[in-house]
Amino acid sequence: LPDAPVVRLTTEQRTKISTTIRQSNVRPATDVNFNISVGTVVPRSVTLYPLPAAVIEVYPDWRPYRFVLVGDEILVIDPATHRIVAVLDA
C-alpha cells in the first residue's frame, strides 16, 4: 500500500482549517470504533463531508478529500480509499 502523503501545515494553516470546520455545523461522528490515526481505514458507514472552500484555499491538495469530526478532532479522509490522511485538532 502506498503511504499517505505527509501533510505539513503551519500553525496558521491548522488554525484556519480548524476554525473553518468548527463553523461548518457538521455533526460529529459518534460510536467511533476505529483507530484515530493516519492510515486507518474508516468504515463506509461513517458519513464523510466535503471540505469547505476555505480549507481548500489553505491546502489545495485536499480538494478531493472529505472530513469527519470525531470529538475534538478533525479527520481528513481520502474518499477513494476511506483512509485517514490527516488528524487535526478541532
PDB file of N, CA and C in Angstrom:
ATOM      1  N   LEU A   1       0.844  -1.199   0.000  1.00  0.00           N
ATOM      2  CA  LEU A   1       0.000   0.000   0.000  1.00  0.00           C
ATOM      3  C   LEU A   1       0.879   1.248   0.000  1.00  0.00           C
ATOM      4  N   PRO A   2       0.531   2.201  -0.848  1.00  0.00           N
ATOM      5  CA  PRO A   2       1.328   3.433  -0.838  1.00  0.00           C
ATOM      6  C   PRO A   2       1.064   4.208   0.449  1.00  0.00           C
ATOM      7  N   ASP A   3       2.109   4.843   0.956  1.00  0.00           N
ATOM      8  CA  ASP A   3       1.941   5.652   2.160  1.00  0.00           C
ATOM      9  C   ASP A   3       1.114   6.886   1.834  1.00  0.00           C
ATOM     10  N   ALA A   4       0.314   7.308   2.777  1.00  0.00           N
ATOM     11  CA  ALA A   4      -0.418   8.562   2.599  1.00  0.00           C
ATOM     12  C   ALA A   4       0.605   9.690   2.523  1.00  0.00           C
ATOM     13  N   PRO A   5       0.337  10.703   1.702  1.00  0.00           N
ATOM     14  CA  PRO A   5       1.284  11.817   1.634  1.00  0.00           C
ATOM     15  C   PRO A   5       1.402  12.478   2.998  1.00  0.00           C
ATOM     16  N   VAL A   6       2.614  12.880   3.343  1.00  0.00           N
ATOM     17  CA  VAL A   6       2.830  13.550   4.624  1.00  0.00           C
ATOM     18  C   VAL A   6       2.284  14.971   4.503  1.00  0.00           C
ATOM     19  N   VAL A   7       1.462  15.337   5.458  1.00  0.00           N
ATOM     20  CA  VAL A   7       0.855  16.662   5.439  1.00  0.00           C
ATOM     21  C   VAL A   7       1.645  17.574   6.367  1.00  0.00           C
ATOM     22  N   ARG A   8       2.162  18.647   5.798  1.00  0.00           N
ATOM     23  CA  ARG A   8       2.908  19.612   6.608  1.00  0.00           C
ATOM     24  C   ARG A   8       2.141  20.927   6.592  1.00  0.00           C
ATOM     25  N   LEU A   9       1.574  21.279   7.732  1.00  0.00           N
ATOM     26  CA  LEU A   9       0.800  22.511   7.833  1.00  0.00           C
ATOM     27  C   LEU A   9       1.450  23.439   8.844  1.00  0.00           C
ATOM     28  N   THR A  10       1.419  24.715   8.549  1.00  0.00           N
ATOM     29  CA  THR A  10       1.880  25.691   9.532  1.00  0.00           C
ATOM     30  C   THR A  10       0.810  25.826  10.617  1.00  0.00           C
ATOM     31  N   THR A  11       1.189  26.398  11.730  1.00  0.00           N
ATOM     32  CA  THR A  11       0.226  26.638  12.815  1.00  0.00           C
ATOM     33  C   THR A  11      -0.918  27.498  12.302  1.00  0.00           C
ATOM     34  N   GLU A  12      -0.593  28.474  11.488  1.00  0.00           N
ATOM     35  CA  GLU A  12      -1.609  29.373  10.928  1.00  0.00           C
ATOM     36  C   GLU A  12      -2.602  28.594  10.053  1.00  0.00           C
ATOM     37  N   GLN A  13      -2.066  27.696   9.218  1.00  0.00           N
ATOM     38  CA  GLN A  13      -2.942  26.880   8.366  1.00  0.00           C
ATOM     39  C   GLN A  13      -3.845  25.985   9.219  1.00  0.00           C
ATOM     40  N   ARG A  14      -3.257  25.350  10.215  1.00  0.00           N
ATOM     41  CA  ARG A  14      -4.045  24.475  11.099  1.00  0.00           C
ATOM     42  C   ARG A  14      -5.180  25.249  11.765  1.00  0.00           C
ATOM     43  N   THR A  15      -4.856  26.448  12.256  1.00  0.00           N
ATOM     44  CA  THR A  15      -5.856  27.271  12.940  1.00  0.00           C
ATOM     45  C   THR A  15      -6.985  27.635  11.986  1.00  0.00           C
ATOM     46  N   LYS A  16      -6.626  28.040  10.776  1.00  0.00           N
ATOM     47  CA  LYS A  16      -7.630  28.443   9.782  1.00  0.00           C
ATOM     48  C   LYS A  16      -8.525  27.250   9.431  1.00  0.00           C
ATOM     49  N   ILE A  17      -7.918  26.089   9.240  1.00  0.00           N
ATOM     50  CA  ILE A  17      -8.689  24.902   8.883  1.00  0.00           C
ATOM     51  C   ILE A  17      -9.629  24.518  10.016  1.00  0.00           C
ATOM     52  N   SER A  18      -9.116  24.461  11.249  1.00  0.00           N
ATOM     53  CA  SER A  18      -9.978  24.030  12.349  1.00  0.00           C
ATOM     54  C   SER A  18     -11.088  25.045  12.615  1.00  0.00           C
ATOM     55  N   THR A  19     -10.789  26.338  12.494  1.00  0.00           N
ATOM     56  CA  THR A  19     -11.821  27.362  12.687  1.00  0.00           C
ATOM     57  C   THR A  19     -12.915  27.207  11.640  1.00  0.00           C
ATOM     58  N   THR A  20     -12.512  27.037  10.386  1.00  0.00           N
ATOM     59  CA  THR A  20     -13.477  26.886   9.295  1.00  0.00           C
ATOM     60  C   THR A  20     -14.372  25.671   9.520  1.00  0.00           C
ATOM     61  N   ILE A  21     -13.769  24.565   9.910  1.00  0.00           N
ATOM     62  CA  ILE A  21     -14.549  23.343  10.086  1.00  0.00           C
ATOM     63  C   ILE A  21     -15.449  23.445  11.307  1.00  0.00           C
ATOM     64  N   ARG A  22     -14.970  24.078  12.365  1.00  0.00           N
ATOM     65  CA  ARG A  22     -15.841  24.271  13.547  1.00  0.00           C
ATOM     66  C   ARG A  22     -17.076  25.088  13.191  1.00  0.00           C
ATOM     67  N   GLN A  23     -16.929  26.031  12.257  1.00  0.00           N
ATOM     68  CA  GLN A  23     -18.041  26.899  11.876  1.00  0.00           C
ATOM     69  C   GLN A  23     -18.977  26.233  10.858  1.00  0.00           C
ATOM     70  N   SER A  24     -18.630  25.035  10.410  1.00  0.00           N
ATOM     71  CA  SER A  24     -19.408  24.418   9.326  1.00  0.00           C
ATOM     72  C   SER A  24     -20.643  23.668   9.811  1.00  0.00           C
ATOM     73  N   ASN A  25     -20.847  23.631  11.131  1.00  0.00           N
ATOM     74  CA  ASN A  25     -22.052  22.998  11.687  1.00  0.00           C
ATOM     75  C   ASN A  25     -22.230  21.539  11.275  1.00  0.00           C
ATOM     76  N   VAL A  26     -21.139  20.829  11.151  1.00  0.00           N
ATOM     77  CA  VAL A  26     -21.208  19.409  10.828  1.00  0.00           C
ATOM     78  C   VAL A  26     -21.369  18.628  12.124  1.00  0.00           C
ATOM     79  N   ARG A  27     -22.219  17.636  12.089  1.00  0.00           N
ATOM     80  CA  ARG A  27     -22.459  16.824  13.281  1.00  0.00           C
ATOM     81  C   ARG A  27     -21.289  15.857  13.492  1.00  0.00           C
ATOM     82  N   PRO A  28     -20.699  15.854  14.680  1.00  0.00           N
ATOM     83  CA  PRO A  28     -19.589  14.920  14.933  1.00  0.00           C
ATOM     84  C   PRO A  28     -20.056  13.461  14.870  1.00  0.00           C
ATOM     85  N   ALA A  29     -19.160  12.594  14.465  1.00  0.00           N
ATOM     86  CA  ALA A  29     -19.464  11.161  14.429  1.00  0.00           C
ATOM     87  C   ALA A  29     -19.482  10.629  15.856  1.00  0.00           C
ATOM     88  N   THR A  30     -20.387   9.706  16.121  1.00  0.00           N
ATOM     89  CA  THR A  30     -20.419   9.043  17.419  1.00  0.00           C
ATOM     90  C   THR A  30     -20.217   7.551  17.154  1.00  0.00           C
ATOM     91  N   ASP A  31     -20.105   6.767  18.202  1.00  0.00           N
ATOM     92  CA  ASP A  31     -19.904   5.319  18.030  1.00  0.00           C
ATOM     93  C   ASP A  31     -18.703   5.029  17.146  1.00  0.00           C
ATOM     94  N   VAL A  32     -17.601   5.714  17.417  1.00  0.00           N
ATOM     95  CA  VAL A  32     -16.402   5.530  16.596  1.00  0.00           C
ATOM     96  C   VAL A  32     -15.640   4.314  17.115  1.00  0.00           C
ATOM     97  N   ASN A  33     -15.536   3.299  16.274  1.00  0.00           N
ATOM     98  CA  ASN A  33     -14.850   2.076  16.706  1.00  0.00           C
ATOM     99  C   ASN A  33     -13.668   1.777  15.791  1.00  0.00           C
ATOM    100  N   PHE A  34     -12.917   2.841  15.485  1.00  0.00           N
ATOM    101  CA  PHE A  34     -11.703   2.665  14.682  1.00  0.00           C
ATOM    102  C   PHE A  34     -10.616   3.542  15.273  1.00  0.00           C
ATOM    103  N   ASN A  35      -9.377   3.216  14.935  1.00  0.00           N
ATOM    104  CA  ASN A  35      -8.225   3.966  15.417  1.00  0.00           C
ATOM    105  C   ASN A  35      -8.181   5.340  14.770  1.00  0.00           C
ATOM    106  N   ILE A  36      -8.019   6.371  15.569  1.00  0.00           N
ATOM    107  CA  ILE A  36      -7.894   7.710  15.001  1.00  0.00           C
ATOM    108  C   ILE A  36      -6.418   7.978  14.758  1.00  0.00           C
ATOM    109  N   SER A  37      -5.949   7.518  13.617  1.00  0.00           N
ATOM    110  CA  SER A  37      -4.562   7.781  13.251  1.00  0.00           C
ATOM    111  C   SER A  37      -4.436   7.728  11.738  1.00  0.00           C
ATOM    112  N   VAL A  38      -3.437   8.439  11.230  1.00  0.00           N
ATOM    113  CA  VAL A  38      -3.207   8.498   9.787  1.00  0.00           C
ATOM    114  C   VAL A  38      -2.968   7.085   9.265  1.00  0.00           C
ATOM    115  N   GLY A  39      -3.654   6.751   8.164  1.00  0.00           N
ATOM    116  CA  GLY A  39      -3.500   5.433   7.558  1.00  0.00           C
ATOM    117  C   GLY A  39      -4.626   4.479   7.901  1.00  0.00           C
ATOM    118  N   THR A  40      -5.399   4.779   8.952  1.00  0.00           N
ATOM    119  CA  THR A  40      -6.529   3.926   9.321  1.00  0.00           C
ATOM    120  C   THR A  40      -7.633   4.063   8.280  1.00  0.00           C
ATOM    121  N   VAL A  41      -8.257   2.953   7.931  1.00  0.00           N
ATOM    122  CA  VAL A  41      -9.394   2.984   7.016  1.00  0.00           C
ATOM    123  C   VAL A  41     -10.670   3.136   7.845  1.00  0.00           C
ATOM    124  N   VAL A  42     -11.438   4.158   7.504  1.00  0.00           N
ATOM    125  CA  VAL A  42     -12.675   4.469   8.212  1.00  0.00           C
ATOM    126  C   VAL A  42     -13.811   3.622   7.615  1.00  0.00           C
ATOM    127  N   PRO A  43     -14.664   3.049   8.463  1.00  0.00           N
ATOM    128  CA  PRO A  43     -15.784   2.251   7.926  1.00  0.00           C
ATOM    129  C   PRO A  43     -16.666   3.070   6.983  1.00  0.00           C
ATOM    130  N   ARG A  44     -17.213   2.401   5.981  1.00  0.00           N
ATOM    131  CA  ARG A  44     -18.056   3.095   4.997  1.00  0.00           C
ATOM    132  C   ARG A  44     -19.341   3.629   5.611  1.00  0.00           C
ATOM    133  N   SER A  45     -19.678   3.149   6.800  1.00  0.00           N
ATOM    134  CA  SER A  45     -20.899   3.621   7.468  1.00  0.00           C
ATOM    135  C   SER A  45     -20.745   5.040   8.023  1.00  0.00           C
ATOM    136  N   VAL A  46     -19.492   5.525   8.098  1.00  0.00           N
ATOM    137  CA  VAL A  46     -19.244   6.866   8.631  1.00  0.00           C
ATOM    138  C   VAL A  46     -19.554   7.896   7.542  1.00  0.00           C
ATOM    139  N   THR A  47     -20.363   8.902   7.893  1.00  0.00           N
ATOM    140  CA  THR A  47     -20.707   9.957   6.936  1.00  0.00           C
ATOM    141  C   THR A  47     -19.535  10.903   6.764  1.00  0.00           C
ATOM    142  N   LEU A  48     -19.101  11.080   5.521  1.00  0.00           N
ATOM    143  CA  LEU A  48     -17.992  11.993   5.216  1.00  0.00           C
ATOM    144  C   LEU A  48     -18.562  13.275   4.617  1.00  0.00           C
ATOM    145  N   TYR A  49     -17.946  14.393   4.948  1.00  0.00           N
ATOM    146  CA  TYR A  49     -18.416  15.691   4.466  1.00  0.00           C
ATOM    147  C   TYR A  49     -17.364  16.328   3.569  1.00  0.00           C
ATOM    148  N   PRO A  50     -17.801  17.062   2.530  1.00  0.00           N
ATOM    149  CA  PRO A  50     -16.834  17.784   1.687  1.00  0.00           C
ATOM    150  C   PRO A  50     -16.123  18.849   2.514  1.00  0.00           C
ATOM    151  N   LEU A  51     -14.864  19.059   2.224  1.00  0.00           N
ATOM    152  CA  LEU A  51     -14.126  20.115   2.931  1.00  0.00           C
ATOM    153  C   LEU A  51     -14.614  21.476   2.441  1.00  0.00           C
ATOM    154  N   PRO A  52     -14.809  22.428   3.352  1.00  0.00           N
ATOM    155  CA  PRO A  52     -15.244  23.771   2.936  1.00  0.00           C
ATOM    156  C   PRO A  52     -14.221  24.429   2.008  1.00  0.00           C
ATOM    157  N   ALA A  53     -14.709  25.317   1.159  1.00  0.00           N
ATOM    158  CA  ALA A  53     -13.845  26.003   0.185  1.00  0.00           C
ATOM    159  C   ALA A  53     -12.671  26.702   0.853  1.00  0.00           C
ATOM    160  N   ALA A  54     -12.893  27.272   2.024  1.00  0.00           N
ATOM    161  CA  ALA A  54     -11.818  27.994   2.724  1.00  0.00           C
ATOM    162  C   ALA A  54     -10.674  27.050   3.092  1.00  0.00           C
ATOM    163  N   VAL A  55     -11.000  25.783   3.367  1.00  0.00           N
ATOM    164  CA  VAL A  55      -9.959  24.795   3.678  1.00  0.00           C
ATOM    165  C   VAL A  55      -9.163  24.468   2.413  1.00  0.00           C
ATOM    166  N   ILE A  56      -9.864  24.334   1.280  1.00  0.00           N
ATOM    167  CA  ILE A  56      -9.197  24.043   0.003  1.00  0.00           C
ATOM    168  C   ILE A  56      -8.251  25.190  -0.373  1.00  0.00           C
ATOM    169  N   GLU A  57      -8.645  26.420  -0.042  1.00  0.00           N
ATOM    170  CA  GLU A  57      -7.760  27.572  -0.311  1.00  0.00           C
ATOM    171  C   GLU A  57      -6.466  27.448   0.478  1.00  0.00           C
ATOM    172  N   VAL A  58      -6.571  26.978   1.706  1.00  0.00           N
ATOM    173  CA  VAL A  58      -5.392  26.835   2.563  1.00  0.00           C
ATOM    174  C   VAL A  58      -4.539  25.663   2.093  1.00  0.00           C
ATOM    175  N   TYR A  59      -5.189  24.583   1.696  1.00  0.00           N
ATOM    176  CA  TYR A  59      -4.469  23.364   1.330  1.00  0.00           C
ATOM    177  C   TYR A  59      -5.102  22.733   0.081  1.00  0.00           C
ATOM    178  N   PRO A  60      -4.775  23.259  -1.112  1.00  0.00           N
ATOM    179  CA  PRO A  60      -5.446  22.837  -2.355  1.00  0.00           C
ATOM    180  C   PRO A  60      -5.360  21.330  -2.646  1.00  0.00           C
ATOM    181  N   ASP A  61      -4.327  20.665  -2.169  1.00  0.00           N
ATOM    182  CA  ASP A  61      -4.194  19.224  -2.416  1.00  0.00           C
ATOM    183  C   ASP A  61      -5.377  18.443  -1.851  1.00  0.00           C
ATOM    184  N   TRP A  62      -6.075  19.041  -0.909  1.00  0.00           N
ATOM    185  CA  TRP A  62      -7.178  18.334  -0.249  1.00  0.00           C
ATOM    186  C   TRP A  62      -8.502  18.461  -0.986  1.00  0.00           C
ATOM    187  N   ARG A  63      -8.516  19.082  -2.161  1.00  0.00           N
ATOM    188  CA  ARG A  63      -9.778  19.303  -2.870  1.00  0.00           C
ATOM    189  C   ARG A  63     -10.645  18.042  -2.946  1.00  0.00           C
ATOM    190  N   PRO A  64     -10.093  16.890  -3.328  1.00  0.00           N
ATOM    191  CA  PRO A  64     -10.983  15.716  -3.452  1.00  0.00           C
ATOM    192  C   PRO A  64     -11.347  15.075  -2.114  1.00  0.00           C
ATOM    193  N   TYR A  65     -10.707  15.504  -1.041  1.00  0.00           N
ATOM    194  CA  TYR A  65     -10.865  14.798   0.226  1.00  0.00           C
ATOM    195  C   TYR A  65     -12.135  15.198   0.964  1.00  0.00           C
ATOM    196  N   ARG A  66     -12.476  14.409   1.943  1.00  0.00           N
ATOM    197  CA  ARG A  66     -13.647  14.638   2.784  1.00  0.00           C
ATOM    198  C   ARG A  66     -13.162  14.710   4.229  1.00  0.00           C
ATOM    199  N   PHE A  67     -14.078  15.036   5.130  1.00  0.00           N
ATOM    200  CA  PHE A  67     -13.678  15.055   6.531  1.00  0.00           C
ATOM    201  C   PHE A  67     -14.812  14.548   7.409  1.00  0.00           C
ATOM    202  N   VAL A  68     -14.444  14.206   8.630  1.00  0.00           N
ATOM    203  CA  VAL A  68     -15.417  13.854   9.660  1.00  0.00           C
ATOM    204  C   VAL A  68     -14.881  14.406  10.976  1.00  0.00           C
ATOM    205  N   LEU A  69     -15.790  14.845  11.815  1.00  0.00           N
ATOM    206  CA  LEU A  69     -15.421  15.304  13.148  1.00  0.00           C
ATOM    207  C   LEU A  69     -15.614  14.153  14.117  1.00  0.00           C
ATOM    208  N   VAL A  70     -14.607  13.925  14.947  1.00  0.00           N
ATOM    209  CA  VAL A  70     -14.723  12.915  16.000  1.00  0.00           C
ATOM    210  C   VAL A  70     -14.251  13.572  17.283  1.00  0.00           C
ATOM    211  N   GLY A  71     -15.186  13.805  18.194  1.00  0.00           N
ATOM    212  CA  GLY A  71     -14.829  14.503  19.424  1.00  0.00           C
ATOM    213  C   GLY A  71     -14.237  15.852  19.080  1.00  0.00           C
ATOM    214  N   ASP A  72     -13.030  16.117  19.542  1.00  0.00           N
ATOM    215  CA  ASP A  72     -12.403  17.410  19.240  1.00  0.00           C
ATOM    216  C   ASP A  72     -11.308  17.270  18.202  1.00  0.00           C
ATOM    217  N   GLU A  73     -11.489  16.281  17.310  1.00  0.00           N
ATOM    218  CA  GLU A  73     -10.504  16.091  16.243  1.00  0.00           C
ATOM    219  C   GLU A  73     -11.181  16.074  14.878  1.00  0.00           C
ATOM    220  N   ILE A  74     -10.455  16.590  13.900  1.00  0.00           N
ATOM    221  CA  ILE A  74     -10.904  16.597  12.512  1.00  0.00           C
ATOM    222  C   ILE A  74     -10.107  15.515  11.788  1.00  0.00           C
ATOM    223  N   LEU A  75     -10.804  14.594  11.161  1.00  0.00           N
ATOM    224  CA  LEU A  75     -10.132  13.568  10.370  1.00  0.00           C
ATOM    225  C   LEU A  75     -10.331  13.915   8.905  1.00  0.00           C
ATOM    226  N   VAL A  76      -9.228  14.077   8.190  1.00  0.00           N
ATOM    227  CA  VAL A  76      -9.294  14.327   6.747  1.00  0.00           C
ATOM    228  C   VAL A  76      -9.125  12.973   6.074  1.00  0.00           C
ATOM    229  N   ILE A  77     -10.048  12.655   5.147  1.00  0.00           N
ATOM    230  CA  ILE A  77     -10.142  11.295   4.612  1.00  0.00           C
ATOM    231  C   ILE A  77     -10.141  11.296   3.091  1.00  0.00           C
ATOM    232  N   ASP A  78      -9.399  10.359   2.519  1.00  0.00           N
ATOM    233  CA  ASP A  78      -9.392  10.157   1.072  1.00  0.00           C
ATOM    234  C   ASP A  78     -10.632   9.326   0.739  1.00  0.00           C
ATOM    235  N   PRO A  79     -11.605   9.904   0.011  1.00  0.00           N
ATOM    236  CA  PRO A  79     -12.856   9.175  -0.226  1.00  0.00           C
ATOM    237  C   PRO A  79     -12.677   7.938  -1.106  1.00  0.00           C
ATOM    238  N   ALA A  80     -11.597   7.885  -1.869  1.00  0.00           N
ATOM    239  CA  ALA A  80     -11.370   6.723  -2.732  1.00  0.00           C
ATOM    240  C   ALA A  80     -11.016   5.481  -1.913  1.00  0.00           C
ATOM    241  N   THR A  81     -10.260   5.691  -0.837  1.00  0.00           N
ATOM    242  CA  THR A  81      -9.792   4.556  -0.038  1.00  0.00           C
ATOM    243  C   THR A  81     -10.401   4.543   1.369  1.00  0.00           C
ATOM    244  N   HIS A  82     -11.064   5.641   1.749  1.00  0.00           N
ATOM    245  CA  HIS A  82     -11.588   5.830   3.109  1.00  0.00           C
ATOM    246  C   HIS A  82     -10.474   5.819   4.151  1.00  0.00           C
ATOM    247  N   ARG A  83      -9.262   6.120   3.710  1.00  0.00           N
ATOM    248  CA  ARG A  83      -8.109   6.145   4.607  1.00  0.00           C
ATOM    249  C   ARG A  83      -7.929   7.558   5.182  1.00  0.00           C
ATOM    250  N   ILE A  84      -7.599   7.620   6.484  1.00  0.00           N
ATOM    251  CA  ILE A  84      -7.331   8.914   7.118  1.00  0.00           C
ATOM    252  C   ILE A  84      -5.982   9.434   6.622  1.00  0.00           C
ATOM    253  N   VAL A  85      -5.969  10.667   6.090  1.00  0.00           N
ATOM    254  CA  VAL A  85      -4.715  11.250   5.612  1.00  0.00           C
ATOM    255  C   VAL A  85      -4.169  12.303   6.576  1.00  0.00           C
ATOM    256  N   ALA A  86      -5.034  12.811   7.469  1.00  0.00           N
ATOM    257  CA  ALA A  86      -4.572  13.801   8.449  1.00  0.00           C
ATOM    258  C   ALA A  86      -5.528  13.836   9.623  1.00  0.00           C
ATOM    259  N   VAL A  87      -4.972  14.099  10.805  1.00  0.00           N
ATOM    260  CA  VAL A  87      -5.756  14.287  12.026  1.00  0.00           C
ATOM    261  C   VAL A  87      -5.379  15.646  12.589  1.00  0.00           C
ATOM    262  N   LEU A  88      -6.372  16.518  12.741  1.00  0.00           N
ATOM    263  CA  LEU A  88      -6.131  17.874  13.250  1.00  0.00           C
ATOM    264  C   LEU A  88      -6.981  18.123  14.471  1.00  0.00           C
ATOM    265  N   ASP A  89      -6.518  18.996  15.338  1.00  0.00           N
ATOM    266  CA  ASP A  89      -7.346  19.403  16.478  1.00  0.00           C
ATOM    267  C   ASP A  89      -8.450  20.308  15.978  1.00  0.00           C
ATOM    268  N   ALA A  90      -9.669  20.077  16.444  1.00  0.00           N
ATOM    269  CA  ALA A  90     -10.787  20.920  16.041  1.00  0.00           C
ATOM    270  C   ALA A  90     -10.850  22.159  16.931  1.00  0.00           C
TER     271      ALA A  90
END
